[in-house]
Amino acid sequence: MATQDRPRDSRDGGDESSSRNTSSTAVPSRNPIPLSASQEAQVRDIFYARVRSKCVDEIRAFAECALGRTFSVSFACRDTNRAMNQCMKVHATPAEQDAAREEWFAGRMERQRERERKARRKLEQEKFLREWWGLPEKDREVARLEMEKLKRAERIGGFASPGRRRIEEGDGDEQQRGSGGGGGR
């Protein structure tokens, strides 16, 4: 009971509003779909390009200051470096990262069309070279598989673990036990 009489100190974690504020600021991304490492790298490149495009003047000023300097850059260009970094910090927000991710998703169809165009061109060139040199044609099955591969959409997310049981493979006992109720203490 002595702990109830004692006033709460902010140092001992008694402030409940601060714990609520930290959890509310950790809002997940609006695009929760997991991407592969290379896709995330593409999103990151878009994000960096967007941030740099908003800080062009500061970056240019720092580059002009640093031109022709080596060791003295950190001393002579300190103000322009700070201005450039501050601009990038201001614009490098989670909202900007979400916008870059949305831009990446918006460009998916264009990338798909570009891949299909390149693959068709490759197949046409290969066919021409086979005819030119008198080489035998590819098997129909191999050609069909290549055409099917062209029509597949870009894969988003990682591959499933090979050892993981699928829901449709389960025998349903887990579902019956989980929804049976009466599992009190």
Foldseek 3Di string as FASTA:
>chain_A
DVVVVDDDDVVVVPDPVVVVVVVVVPDDAPDPFAFDPVLVVQLVVLLVVVLCVQLVVLVVVLCVQCPPHDPCSCPRVVPSVVVSVVSSVVSNDSVSSSVSVVVSVVCQVVVLVVQLVVLVVVVVVVVVVCVVVVHDDDDPVVVVVSVVVSPDGDDGHDDDDPPDDDPVNDPCPVVCVVPVDPPDD
